[in-house]
Amino acid sequence: MTLKFEEKWERTISEKDRMLFYEIYKQYPIKLHTVAFAPVRVAINHRGSLLATVLVLNGHDCEWKLNDTILHYCERGELVAVHSFSHSSLVVPPRCAMPWTFIYNSNTFQKEPELKHWEIKFL
């Protein structure tokens, strides 16, 4: 089980962020036969969109693709935003972790985000 970076990330990521991802990767073991999301950082950008950066942890024996995948952004167990994501660049190899940032536009908010105690999950 390894940590991989998508091609654009590999070229542009700072050494400081690379080390951050490796530290988080060590804290979140990949569980077999599951896909999970380890939180890294969350912010609101200048457009009012929520940017949630995670490590995608693929414990399956096959690659995991982001294709019309509904993901819920929750804080303290409560739904804050929901969106369906597709992106051809996010292909997580079997039993690997890969960083990714999910962007939730403000029109996907169910309530105002606090940016604390958050997670991304399937429901």
Protein backbone atom coordinates (compact mmCIF):
# COMPACT_ATOMS: atom_id res chain seq x y z
CA MET A 1 0.00 0.00 0.00
CA THR A 2 1.48 3.27 -1.14
CA LEU A 3 0.86 6.98 -1.48
CA LYS A 4 0.73 8.22 -5.08
CA PHE A 5 0.22 11.67 -6.57
CA GLU A 6 -1.82 12.45 -9.68
CA GLU A 7 0.42 13.74 -12.49
CA LYS A 8 -0.35 17.47 -12.03
CA TRP A 9 0.03 17.18 -8.26
CA GLU A 10 3.35 15.38 -8.70
CA ARG A 11 4.70 18.28 -10.75
CA THR A 12 3.39 21.16 -8.65
CA ILE A 13 3.17 20.07 -5.01
CA SER A 14 5.51 21.78 -2.56
CA GLU A 15 7.89 19.69 -0.47
CA LYS A 16 6.10 20.91 2.67
CA ASP A 17 2.71 19.69 1.38
CA ARG A 18 4.25 16.42 0.18
CA MET A 19 5.53 15.77 3.72
CA LEU A 20 2.12 16.69 5.17
CA PHE A 21 0.45 14.09 2.96
CA TYR A 22 2.98 11.45 3.97
CA GLU A 23 2.39 12.19 7.67
CA ILE A 24 -1.39 11.91 7.26
CA TYR A 25 -0.97 8.77 5.16
CA LYS A 26 0.89 7.12 8.06
CA GLN A 27 -2.00 7.97 10.42
CA TYR A 28 -4.77 6.46 8.25
CA PRO A 29 -4.19 2.84 7.28
CA ILE A 30 -5.98 1.69 4.16
CA LYS A 31 -8.79 -0.73 5.03
CA LEU A 32 -9.25 -3.61 2.63
CA HIS A 33 -12.32 -3.59 0.38
CA THR A 34 -13.25 0.03 1.17
CA VAL A 35 -12.76 3.54 -0.18
CA ALA A 36 -12.40 6.19 2.50
CA PHE A 37 -11.32 9.82 2.76
CA ALA A 38 -8.75 11.04 5.29
CA PRO A 39 -9.20 14.78 5.95
CA VAL A 40 -6.23 17.05 5.31
CA ARG A 41 -7.46 20.66 5.10
CA VAL A 42 -10.60 22.64 4.38
CA ALA A 43 -11.14 26.26 3.33
CA ILE A 44 -13.53 28.64 1.60
CA ASN A 45 -12.13 30.27 -1.54
CA HIS A 46 -12.73 33.77 -2.93
CA ARG A 47 -15.82 32.51 -4.81
CA GLY A 48 -17.43 31.17 -1.66
CA SER A 49 -16.81 27.53 -2.61
CA LEU A 50 -15.68 25.00 -0.05
CA LEU A 51 -12.38 23.24 -0.85
CA ALA A 52 -11.93 19.97 1.04
CA THR A 53 -8.54 18.31 0.56
CA VAL A 54 -8.35 14.64 1.51
CA LEU A 55 -6.37 11.50 0.93
CA VAL A 56 -8.50 9.06 -1.03
CA LEU A 57 -7.76 5.64 0.49
CA ASN A 58 -8.52 2.81 -1.94
CA GLY A 59 -8.46 -0.58 -0.23
CA HIS A 60 -9.90 -2.45 -3.21
CA ASP A 61 -7.99 -4.80 -5.53
CA CYS A 62 -8.98 -2.66 -8.51
CA GLU A 63 -8.57 1.01 -9.33
CA TRP A 64 -11.16 3.49 -8.06
CA LYS A 65 -12.43 6.21 -10.40
CA LEU A 66 -14.37 9.34 -9.62
CA ASN A 67 -17.35 8.94 -11.93
CA ASP A 68 -20.73 10.43 -10.98
CA THR A 69 -19.89 9.81 -7.35
CA ILE A 70 -22.09 11.51 -4.76
CA LEU A 71 -20.01 12.70 -1.82
CA HIS A 72 -21.27 14.29 1.36
CA TYR A 73 -19.33 16.91 3.30
CA CYS A 74 -20.33 16.63 6.96
CA GLU A 75 -19.38 18.48 10.13
CA ARG A 76 -19.94 16.88 13.51
CA GLY A 77 -21.91 14.15 11.73
CA GLU A 78 -24.36 16.61 10.12
CA LEU A 79 -24.72 17.09 6.37
CA VAL A 80 -23.38 20.45 5.23
CA ALA A 81 -22.95 19.98 1.45
CA VAL A 82 -23.59 17.29 -1.12
CA HIS A 83 -22.39 17.08 -4.71
CA SER A 84 -21.92 14.54 -7.51
CA PHE A 85 -18.31 14.46 -8.72
CA SER A 86 -16.71 13.19 -11.92
CA HIS A 87 -13.11 13.80 -12.89
CA SER A 88 -11.12 11.64 -15.28
CA SER A 89 -7.80 12.52 -13.60
CA LEU A 90 -8.75 10.92 -10.30
CA VAL A 91 -7.92 7.26 -10.73
CA VAL A 92 -6.63 5.72 -7.51
CA PRO A 93 -4.66 2.51 -8.10
CA PRO A 94 -5.51 -0.61 -6.07
CA ARG A 95 -4.52 -0.43 -2.40
CA CYS A 96 -3.15 3.11 -2.75
CA ALA A 97 -3.81 6.54 -1.34
CA MET A 98 -3.95 9.68 -3.45
CA PRO A 99 -4.55 13.31 -2.42
CA TRP A 100 -7.42 15.22 -3.99
CA THR A 101 -9.38 18.42 -3.42
CA PHE A 102 -13.15 18.28 -3.74
CA ILE A 103 -14.86 21.60 -4.47
CA TYR A 104 -18.39 22.18 -3.21
CA ASN A 105 -19.94 25.32 -4.74
CA SER A 106 -22.03 27.38 -2.33
CA ASN A 107 -25.25 26.24 -4.06
CA THR A 108 -24.56 22.71 -2.74
CA PHE A 109 -24.57 23.89 0.90
CA GLN A 110 -27.37 22.60 3.11
CA LYS A 111 -26.15 24.92 5.86
CA GLU A 112 -23.23 27.30 6.40
CA PRO A 113 -19.95 25.40 6.90
CA GLU A 114 -17.94 25.99 10.07
CA LEU A 115 -14.78 24.28 8.69
CA LYS A 116 -14.34 22.24 11.87
CA HIS A 117 -14.70 18.53 12.72
CA TRP A 118 -15.37 17.60 9.12
CA GLU A 119 -15.32 14.54 6.92
CA ILE A 120 -16.23 13.47 3.41
CA LYS A 121 -18.18 10.27 3.04
CA PHE A 122 -20.60 8.23 1.00
CA LEU A 123 -24.14 7.98 2.41
